[in-house]
Amino acid sequence: MSDAYDRELLGLAQESAQELGFQSFTRQGVYCLLPGPCYETVAECHLLQALGADAVGMSTVPEVIVARHCGLRVLGLSLITNKVVMSYSS
């Protein structure tokens, strides 16, 4: 699926973030789904980074697919709550 998120809604969200002074901590990127329930391994994190993932989660993607299937316009927002462990010594 190459058109999951609505570009017009994204533009409105970006404008709102700028008006509210939030642009310094908002980012646009690639969200990758892993099924969970466990967090990613160090090896998986390196692979996902090499594939271009900016954020990884256990939700959102199935909901987006269903919403698009139903003809809904979709905007995805994520709150990143933990940083990935990229080293076995961490």
PDB file of N, CA and C in Angstrom:
ATOM      1  N   MET A   1       0.851  -1.168   0.000  1.00  0.00           N
ATOM      2  CA  MET A   1       0.000   0.000   0.000  1.00  0.00           C
ATOM      3  C   MET A   1       0.902   1.238   0.000  1.00  0.00           C
ATOM      4  N   SER A   2       0.810   2.017  -1.043  1.00  0.00           N
ATOM      5  CA  SER A   2       1.701   3.168  -1.172  1.00  0.00           C
ATOM      6  C   SER A   2       1.041   4.498  -0.828  1.00  0.00           C
ATOM      7  N   ASP A   3      -0.251   4.493  -0.582  1.00  0.00           N
ATOM      8  CA  ASP A   3      -0.948   5.755  -0.299  1.00  0.00           C
ATOM      9  C   ASP A   3      -1.743   5.661   0.998  1.00  0.00           C
ATOM     10  N   ALA A   4      -1.122   5.133   2.029  1.00  0.00           N
ATOM     11  CA  ALA A   4      -1.839   4.889   3.287  1.00  0.00           C
ATOM     12  C   ALA A   4      -2.271   6.180   3.970  1.00  0.00           C
ATOM     13  N   TYR A   5      -1.428   7.179   3.946  1.00  0.00           N
ATOM     14  CA  TYR A   5      -1.704   8.398   4.699  1.00  0.00           C
ATOM     15  C   TYR A   5      -2.092   9.537   3.767  1.00  0.00           C
ATOM     16  N   ASP A   6      -3.059  10.315   4.190  1.00  0.00           N
ATOM     17  CA  ASP A   6      -3.612  11.406   3.401  1.00  0.00           C
ATOM     18  C   ASP A   6      -2.668  12.614   3.443  1.00  0.00           C
ATOM     19  N   ARG A   7      -2.187  13.035   2.290  1.00  0.00           N
ATOM     20  CA  ARG A   7      -1.220  14.142   2.213  1.00  0.00           C
ATOM     21  C   ARG A   7      -1.831  15.469   2.671  1.00  0.00           C
ATOM     22  N   GLU A   8      -3.108  15.670   2.405  1.00  0.00           N
ATOM     23  CA  GLU A   8      -3.759  16.906   2.851  1.00  0.00           C
ATOM     24  C   GLU A   8      -3.832  16.958   4.376  1.00  0.00           C
ATOM     25  N   LEU A   9      -4.193  15.843   5.007  1.00  0.00           N
ATOM     26  CA  LEU A   9      -4.234  15.796   6.470  1.00  0.00           C
ATOM     27  C   LEU A   9      -2.840  15.988   7.057  1.00  0.00           C
ATOM     28  N   LEU A  10      -1.835  15.407   6.406  1.00  0.00           N
ATOM     29  CA  LEU A  10      -0.453  15.587   6.857  1.00  0.00           C
ATOM     30  C   LEU A  10      -0.068  17.063   6.800  1.00  0.00           C
ATOM     31  N   GLY A  11      -0.429  17.726   5.714  1.00  0.00           N
ATOM     32  CA  GLY A  11      -0.132  19.151   5.590  1.00  0.00           C
ATOM     33  C   GLY A  11      -0.799  19.974   6.682  1.00  0.00           C
ATOM     34  N   LEU A  12      -2.055  19.660   6.990  1.00  0.00           N
ATOM     35  CA  LEU A  12      -2.764  20.365   8.062  1.00  0.00           C
ATOM     36  C   LEU A  12      -2.092  20.131   9.412  1.00  0.00           C
ATOM     37  N   ALA A  13      -1.659  18.905   9.655  1.00  0.00           N
ATOM     38  CA  ALA A  13      -0.982  18.592  10.918  1.00  0.00           C
ATOM     39  C   ALA A  13       0.337  19.348  11.024  1.00  0.00           C
ATOM     40  N   GLN A  14       1.082  19.410   9.928  1.00  0.00           N
ATOM     41  CA  GLN A  14       2.355  20.130   9.936  1.00  0.00           C
ATOM     42  C   GLN A  14       2.142  21.627  10.159  1.00  0.00           C
ATOM     43  N   GLU A  15       1.119  22.197   9.521  1.00  0.00           N
ATOM     44  CA  GLU A  15       0.803  23.612   9.726  1.00  0.00           C
ATOM     45  C   GLU A  15       0.419  23.877  11.178  1.00  0.00           C
ATOM     46  N   SER A  16      -0.395  23.001  11.740  1.00  0.00           N
ATOM     47  CA  SER A  16      -0.823  23.163  13.135  1.00  0.00           C
ATOM     48  C   SER A  16       0.362  23.077  14.085  1.00  0.00           C
ATOM     49  N   ALA A  17       1.261  22.116  13.830  1.00  0.00           N
ATOM     50  CA  ALA A  17       2.448  21.973  14.676  1.00  0.00           C
ATOM     51  C   ALA A  17       3.291  23.243  14.635  1.00  0.00           C
ATOM     52  N   GLN A  18       3.430  23.812  13.447  1.00  0.00           N
ATOM     53  CA  GLN A  18       4.221  25.038  13.320  1.00  0.00           C
ATOM     54  C   GLN A  18       3.544  26.199  14.044  1.00  0.00           C
ATOM     55  N   GLU A  19       2.233  26.335  13.881  1.00  0.00           N
ATOM     56  CA  GLU A  19       1.498  27.417  14.548  1.00  0.00           C
ATOM     57  C   GLU A  19       1.593  27.320  16.068  1.00  0.00           C
ATOM     58  N   LEU A  20       1.647  26.094  16.582  1.00  0.00           N
ATOM     59  CA  LEU A  20       1.708  25.876  18.026  1.00  0.00           C
ATOM     60  C   LEU A  20       3.138  25.866  18.567  1.00  0.00           C
ATOM     61  N   GLY A  21       4.123  25.984  17.670  1.00  0.00           N
ATOM     62  CA  GLY A  21       5.516  25.977  18.094  1.00  0.00           C
ATOM     63  C   GLY A  21       6.046  24.592  18.408  1.00  0.00           C
ATOM     64  N   PHE A  22       5.444  23.565  17.818  1.00  0.00           N
ATOM     65  CA  PHE A  22       5.842  22.181  18.088  1.00  0.00           C
ATOM     66  C   PHE A  22       6.812  21.625  17.048  1.00  0.00           C
ATOM     67  N   GLN A  23       7.182  22.399  16.032  1.00  0.00           N
ATOM     68  CA  GLN A  23       7.990  21.852  14.945  1.00  0.00           C
ATOM     69  C   GLN A  23       9.357  21.360  15.408  1.00  0.00           C
ATOM     70  N   SER A  24       9.839  21.834  16.548  1.00  0.00           N
ATOM     71  CA  SER A  24      11.169  21.413  17.010  1.00  0.00           C
ATOM     72  C   SER A  24      11.185  19.971  17.505  1.00  0.00           C
ATOM     73  N   PHE A  25      10.048  19.409  17.849  1.00  0.00           N
ATOM     74  CA  PHE A  25      10.046  18.016  18.305  1.00  0.00           C
ATOM     75  C   PHE A  25       9.063  17.132  17.542  1.00  0.00           C
ATOM     76  N   THR A  26       8.666  17.554  16.355  1.00  0.00           N
ATOM     77  CA  THR A  26       7.866  16.684  15.491  1.00  0.00           C
ATOM     78  C   THR A  26       8.732  16.236  14.324  1.00  0.00           C
ATOM     79  N   ARG A  27       8.503  15.017  13.896  1.00  0.00           N
ATOM     80  CA  ARG A  27       9.280  14.441  12.798  1.00  0.00           C
ATOM     81  C   ARG A  27       8.352  13.674  11.872  1.00  0.00           C
ATOM     82  N   GLN A  28       8.778  13.540  10.633  1.00  0.00           N
ATOM     83  CA  GLN A  28       8.085  12.690   9.676  1.00  0.00           C
ATOM     84  C   GLN A  28       9.046  11.563   9.331  1.00  0.00           C
ATOM     85  N   GLY A  29       8.556  10.324   9.287  1.00  0.00           N
ATOM     86  CA  GLY A  29       9.456   9.223   9.012  1.00  0.00           C
ATOM     87  C   GLY A  29       8.738   7.952   8.622  1.00  0.00           C
ATOM     88  N   VAL A  30       9.490   6.867   8.622  1.00  0.00           N
ATOM     89  CA  VAL A  30       8.983   5.552   8.235  1.00  0.00           C
ATOM     90  C   VAL A  30       8.685   4.745   9.491  1.00  0.00           C
ATOM     91  N   TYR A  31       7.433   4.292   9.609  1.00  0.00           N
ATOM     92  CA  TYR A  31       6.981   3.496  10.756  1.00  0.00           C
ATOM     93  C   TYR A  31       6.964   2.036  10.342  1.00  0.00           C
ATOM     94  N   CYS A  32       7.585   1.185  11.122  1.00  0.00           N
ATOM     95  CA  CYS A  32       7.657  -0.245  10.836  1.00  0.00           C
ATOM     96  C   CYS A  32       6.869  -1.022  11.881  1.00  0.00           C
ATOM     97  N   LEU A  33       6.075  -1.973  11.446  1.00  0.00           N
ATOM     98  CA  LEU A  33       5.288  -2.814  12.348  1.00  0.00           C
ATOM     99  C   LEU A  33       6.028  -4.111  12.652  1.00  0.00           C
ATOM    100  N   LEU A  34       6.136  -4.436  13.926  1.00  0.00           N
ATOM    101  CA  LEU A  34       6.550  -5.759  14.373  1.00  0.00           C
ATOM    102  C   LEU A  34       5.422  -6.281  15.257  1.00  0.00           C
ATOM    103  N   PRO A  35       5.160  -7.585  15.209  1.00  0.00           N
ATOM    104  CA  PRO A  35       3.959  -8.102  15.877  1.00  0.00           C
ATOM    105  C   PRO A  35       4.004  -8.119  17.398  1.00  0.00           C
ATOM    106  N   GLY A  36       5.186  -8.030  18.004  1.00  0.00           N
ATOM    107  CA  GLY A  36       5.241  -8.100  19.466  1.00  0.00           C
ATOM    108  C   GLY A  36       4.958  -9.513  19.938  1.00  0.00           C
ATOM    109  N   PRO A  37       4.717  -9.752  21.192  1.00  0.00           N
ATOM    110  CA  PRO A  37       4.603  -8.759  22.250  1.00  0.00           C
ATOM    111  C   PRO A  37       5.952  -8.334  22.831  1.00  0.00           C
ATOM    112  N   CYS A  38       7.040  -8.881  22.325  1.00  0.00           N
ATOM    113  CA  CYS A  38       8.371  -8.535  22.843  1.00  0.00           C
ATOM    114  C   CYS A  38       8.960  -7.379  22.041  1.00  0.00           C
ATOM    115  N   TYR A  39       9.850  -6.634  22.682  1.00  0.00           N
ATOM    116  CA  TYR A  39      10.574  -5.592  21.966  1.00  0.00           C
ATOM    117  C   TYR A  39      11.562  -6.216  20.988  1.00  0.00           C
ATOM    118  N   GLU A  40      12.110  -5.399  20.123  1.00  0.00           N
ATOM    119  CA  GLU A  40      13.015  -5.844  19.082  1.00  0.00           C
ATOM    120  C   GLU A  40      14.352  -6.285  19.675  1.00  0.00           C
ATOM    121  N   THR A  41      14.986  -7.252  19.024  1.00  0.00           N
ATOM    122  CA  THR A  41      16.342  -7.631  19.412  1.00  0.00           C
ATOM    123  C   THR A  41      17.319  -6.627  18.806  1.00  0.00           C
ATOM    124  N   VAL A  42      18.547  -6.650  19.281  1.00  0.00           N
ATOM    125  CA  VAL A  42      19.581  -5.763  18.738  1.00  0.00           C
ATOM    126  C   VAL A  42      19.768  -6.042  17.247  1.00  0.00           C
ATOM    127  N   ALA A  43      19.809  -7.317  16.863  1.00  0.00           N
ATOM    128  CA  ALA A  43      19.983  -7.673  15.452  1.00  0.00           C
ATOM    129  C   ALA A  43      18.814  -7.165  14.608  1.00  0.00           C
ATOM    130  N   GLU A  44      17.598  -7.319  15.113  1.00  0.00           N
ATOM    131  CA  GLU A  44      16.430  -6.816  14.385  1.00  0.00           C
ATOM    132  C   GLU A  44      16.497  -5.301  14.228  1.00  0.00           C
ATOM    133  N   CYS A  45      16.952  -4.620  15.255  1.00  0.00           N
ATOM    134  CA  CYS A  45      17.062  -3.157  15.196  1.00  0.00           C
ATOM    135  C   CYS A  45      18.038  -2.715  14.117  1.00  0.00           C
ATOM    136  N   HIS A  46      19.155  -3.416  14.005  1.00  0.00           N
ATOM    137  CA  HIS A  46      20.134  -3.076  12.970  1.00  0.00           C
ATOM    138  C   HIS A  46      19.551  -3.316  11.578  1.00  0.00           C
ATOM    139  N   LEU A  47      18.825  -4.410  11.405  1.00  0.00           N
ATOM    140  CA  LEU A  47      18.192  -4.699  10.121  1.00  0.00           C
ATOM    141  C   LEU A  47      17.154  -3.634   9.777  1.00  0.00           C
ATOM    142  N   LEU A  48      16.299  -3.298  10.733  1.00  0.00           N
ATOM    143  CA  LEU A  48      15.253  -2.304  10.485  1.00  0.00           C
ATOM    144  C   LEU A  48      15.850  -0.940  10.150  1.00  0.00           C
ATOM    145  N   GLN A  49      16.935  -0.583  10.825  1.00  0.00           N
ATOM    146  CA  GLN A  49      17.612   0.681  10.523  1.00  0.00           C
ATOM    147  C   GLN A  49      18.162   0.653   9.096  1.00  0.00           C
ATOM    148  N   ALA A  50      18.760  -0.473   8.706  1.00  0.00           N
ATOM    149  CA  ALA A  50      19.303  -0.602   7.352  1.00  0.00           C
ATOM    150  C   ALA A  50      18.195  -0.528   6.297  1.00  0.00           C
ATOM    151  N   LEU A  51      17.002  -0.979   6.652  1.00  0.00           N
ATOM    152  CA  LEU A  51      15.860  -0.935   5.736  1.00  0.00           C
ATOM    153  C   LEU A  51      15.185   0.433   5.696  1.00  0.00           C
ATOM    154  N   GLY A  52      15.598   1.342   6.585  1.00  0.00           N
ATOM    155  CA  GLY A  52      15.073   2.700   6.553  1.00  0.00           C
ATOM    156  C   GLY A  52      14.012   3.024   7.578  1.00  0.00           C
ATOM    157  N   ALA A  53      13.782   2.146   8.537  1.00  0.00           N
ATOM    158  CA  ALA A  53      12.774   2.414   9.567  1.00  0.00           C
ATOM    159  C   ALA A  53      13.255   3.511  10.510  1.00  0.00           C
ATOM    160  N   ASP A  54      12.358   4.440  10.817  1.00  0.00           N
ATOM    161  CA  ASP A  54      12.648   5.497  11.783  1.00  0.00           C
ATOM    162  C   ASP A  54      12.020   5.202  13.135  1.00  0.00           C
ATOM    163  N   ALA A  55      10.907   4.477  13.122  1.00  0.00           N
ATOM    164  CA  ALA A  55      10.191   4.121  14.348  1.00  0.00           C
ATOM    165  C   ALA A  55       9.601   2.731  14.172  1.00  0.00           C
ATOM    166  N   VAL A  56       9.491   2.016  15.281  1.00  0.00           N
ATOM    167  CA  VAL A  56       8.955   0.656  15.263  1.00  0.00           C
ATOM    168  C   VAL A  56       7.862   0.570  16.310  1.00  0.00           C
ATOM    169  N   GLY A  57       6.791  -0.108  15.965  1.00  0.00           N
ATOM    170  CA  GLY A  57       5.703  -0.272  16.914  1.00  0.00           C
ATOM    171  C   GLY A  57       4.949  -1.563  16.683  1.00  0.00           C
ATOM    172  N   MET A  58       4.003  -1.817  17.584  1.00  0.00           N
ATOM    173  CA  MET A  58       3.221  -3.047  17.537  1.00  0.00           C
ATOM    174  C   MET A  58       1.760  -2.788  17.183  1.00  0.00           C
ATOM    175  N   SER A  59       1.467  -1.590  16.743  1.00  0.00           N
ATOM    176  CA  SER A  59       0.084  -1.262  16.384  1.00  0.00           C
ATOM    177  C   SER A  59       0.096  -0.288  15.220  1.00  0.00           C
ATOM    178  N   THR A  60      -0.987   0.346  14.964  1.00  0.00           N
ATOM    179  CA  THR A  60      -1.170   1.392  13.958  1.00  0.00           C
ATOM    180  C   THR A  60      -1.332   0.839  12.544  1.00  0.00           C
ATOM    181  N   VAL A  61      -0.427   0.006  12.079  1.00  0.00           N
ATOM    182  CA  VAL A  61      -0.484  -0.478  10.699  1.00  0.00           C
ATOM    183  C   VAL A  61      -1.764  -1.264  10.412  1.00  0.00           C
ATOM    184  N   PRO A  62      -2.151  -2.243  11.238  1.00  0.00           N
ATOM    185  CA  PRO A  62      -3.412  -2.950  10.940  1.00  0.00           C
ATOM    186  C   PRO A  62      -4.618  -2.008  10.901  1.00  0.00           C
ATOM    187  N   GLU A  63      -4.644  -1.044  11.806  1.00  0.00           N
ATOM    188  CA  GLU A  63      -5.752  -0.095  11.840  1.00  0.00           C
ATOM    189  C   GLU A  63      -5.776   0.782  10.591  1.00  0.00           C
ATOM    190  N   VAL A  64      -4.604   1.193  10.122  1.00  0.00           N
ATOM    191  CA  VAL A  64      -4.515   2.006   8.910  1.00  0.00           C
ATOM    192  C   VAL A  64      -5.007   1.207   7.705  1.00  0.00           C
ATOM    193  N   ILE A  65      -4.616  -0.041   7.611  1.00  0.00           N
ATOM    194  CA  ILE A  65      -5.048  -0.883   6.490  1.00  0.00           C
ATOM    195  C   ILE A  65      -6.565  -1.017   6.469  1.00  0.00           C
ATOM    196  N   VAL A  66      -7.164  -1.275   7.621  1.00  0.00           N
ATOM    197  CA  VAL A  66      -8.624  -1.408   7.695  1.00  0.00           C
ATOM    198  C   VAL A  66      -9.302  -0.087   7.342  1.00  0.00           C
ATOM    199  N   ALA A  67      -8.788   1.013   7.878  1.00  0.00           N
ATOM    200  CA  ALA A  67      -9.386   2.321   7.599  1.00  0.00           C
ATOM    201  C   ALA A  67      -9.346   2.641   6.109  1.00  0.00           C
ATOM    202  N   ARG A  68      -8.209   2.405   5.474  1.00  0.00           N
ATOM    203  CA  ARG A  68      -8.092   2.665   4.030  1.00  0.00           C
ATOM    204  C   ARG A  68      -9.015   1.749   3.240  1.00  0.00           C
ATOM    205  N   HIS A  69      -9.115   0.494   3.655  1.00  0.00           N
ATOM    206  CA  HIS A  69     -10.023  -0.455   3.001  1.00  0.00           C
ATOM    207  C   HIS A  69     -11.465   0.053   3.062  1.00  0.00           C
ATOM    208  N   CYS A  70     -11.807   0.740   4.147  1.00  0.00           N
ATOM    209  CA  CYS A  70     -13.159   1.294   4.330  1.00  0.00           C
ATOM    210  C   CYS A  70     -13.330   2.644   3.646  1.00  0.00           C
ATOM    211  N   GLY A  71     -12.289   3.131   2.989  1.00  0.00           N
ATOM    212  CA  GLY A  71     -12.379   4.395   2.274  1.00  0.00           C
ATOM    213  C   GLY A  71     -12.160   5.626   3.127  1.00  0.00           C
ATOM    214  N   LEU A  72     -11.621   5.452   4.324  1.00  0.00           N
ATOM    215  CA  LEU A  72     -11.384   6.582   5.219  1.00  0.00           C
ATOM    216  C   LEU A  72     -10.059   7.271   4.898  1.00  0.00           C
ATOM    217  N   ARG A  73     -10.011   8.559   5.153  1.00  0.00           N
ATOM    218  CA  ARG A  73      -8.758   9.309   5.074  1.00  0.00           C
ATOM    219  C   ARG A  73      -8.012   9.087   6.385  1.00  0.00           C
ATOM    220  N   VAL A  74      -6.696   8.926   6.304  1.00  0.00           N
ATOM    221  CA  VAL A  74      -5.924   8.544   7.487  1.00  0.00           C
ATOM    222  C   VAL A  74      -4.739   9.479   7.694  1.00  0.00           C
ATOM    223  N   LEU A  75      -4.541   9.837   8.957  1.00  0.00           N
ATOM    224  CA  LEU A  75      -3.340  10.545   9.390  1.00  0.00           C
ATOM    225  C   LEU A  75      -2.769   9.750  10.555  1.00  0.00           C
ATOM    226  N   GLY A  76      -1.501   9.427  10.513  1.00  0.00           N
ATOM    227  CA  GLY A  76      -0.873   8.677  11.602  1.00  0.00           C
ATOM    228  C   GLY A  76      -0.004   9.575  12.456  1.00  0.00           C
ATOM    229  N   LEU A  77      -0.242   9.542  13.750  1.00  0.00           N
ATOM    230  CA  LEU A  77       0.591  10.259  14.714  1.00  0.00           C
ATOM    231  C   LEU A  77       1.079   9.256  15.743  1.00  0.00           C
ATOM    232  N   SER A  78       2.334   9.317  16.090  1.00  0.00           N
ATOM    233  CA  SER A  78       2.896   8.397  17.078  1.00  0.00           C
ATOM    234  C   SER A  78       3.643   9.172  18.150  1.00  0.00           C
ATOM    235  N   LEU A  79       3.535   8.706  19.360  1.00  0.00           N
ATOM    236  CA  LEU A  79       4.320   9.235  20.467  1.00  0.00           C
ATOM    237  C   LEU A  79       5.385   8.191  20.775  1.00  0.00           C
ATOM    238  N   ILE A  80       6.635   8.536  20.576  1.00  0.00           N
ATOM    239  CA  ILE A  80       7.738   7.602  20.803  1.00  0.00           C
ATOM    240  C   ILE A  80       8.045   7.596  22.295  1.00  0.00           C
ATOM    241  N   THR A  81       7.933   6.414  22.915  1.00  0.00           N
ATOM    242  CA  THR A  81       8.071   6.328  24.374  1.00  0.00           C
ATOM    243  C   THR A  81       9.333   5.620  24.839  1.00  0.00           C
ATOM    244  N   ASN A  82      10.043   4.956  23.948  1.00  0.00           N
ATOM    245  CA  ASN A  82      11.305   4.346  24.364  1.00  0.00           C
ATOM    246  C   ASN A  82      12.280   4.345  23.194  1.00  0.00           C
ATOM    247  N   LYS A  83      13.564   4.428  23.538  1.00  0.00           N
ATOM    248  CA  LYS A  83      14.612   4.384  22.522  1.00  0.00           C
ATOM    249  C   LYS A  83      15.086   2.953  22.362  1.00  0.00           C
ATOM    250  N   VAL A  84      15.459   2.631  21.154  1.00  0.00           N
ATOM    251  CA  VAL A  84      15.904   1.283  20.835  1.00  0.00           C
ATOM    252  C   VAL A  84      17.306   1.029  21.401  1.00  0.00           C
ATOM    253  N   VAL A  85      17.553  -0.205  21.759  1.00  0.00           N
ATOM    254  CA  VAL A  85      18.878  -0.631  22.217  1.00  0.00           C
ATOM    255  C   VAL A  85      19.635  -1.145  20.995  1.00  0.00           C
ATOM    256  N   MET A  86      20.725  -0.474  20.642  1.00  0.00           N
ATOM    257  CA  MET A  86      21.483  -0.825  19.442  1.00  0.00           C
ATOM    258  C   MET A  86      22.787  -1.557  19.754  1.00  0.00           C
ATOM    259  N   SER A  87      23.016  -1.890  21.017  1.00  0.00           N
ATOM    260  CA  SER A  87      24.257  -2.554  21.404  1.00  0.00           C
ATOM    261  C   SER A  87      23.953  -3.654  22.411  1.00  0.00           C
ATOM    262  N   TYR A  88      24.638  -4.755  22.283  1.00  0.00           N
ATOM    263  CA  TYR A  88      24.452  -5.859  23.229  1.00  0.00           C
ATOM    264  C   TYR A  88      24.958  -5.504  24.623  1.00  0.00           C
ATOM    265  N   SER A  89      25.820  -4.499  24.727  1.00  0.00           N
ATOM    266  CA  SER A  89      26.369  -4.120  26.030  1.00  0.00           C
ATOM    267  C   SER A  89      25.509  -3.090  26.764  1.00  0.00           C
ATOM    268  N   SER A  90      24.433  -2.654  26.149  1.00  0.00           N
ATOM    269  CA  SER A  90      23.558  -1.651  26.783  1.00  0.00           C
ATOM    270  C   SER A  90      22.600  -2.288  27.767  1.00  0.00           C
TER     271      SER A  90
END
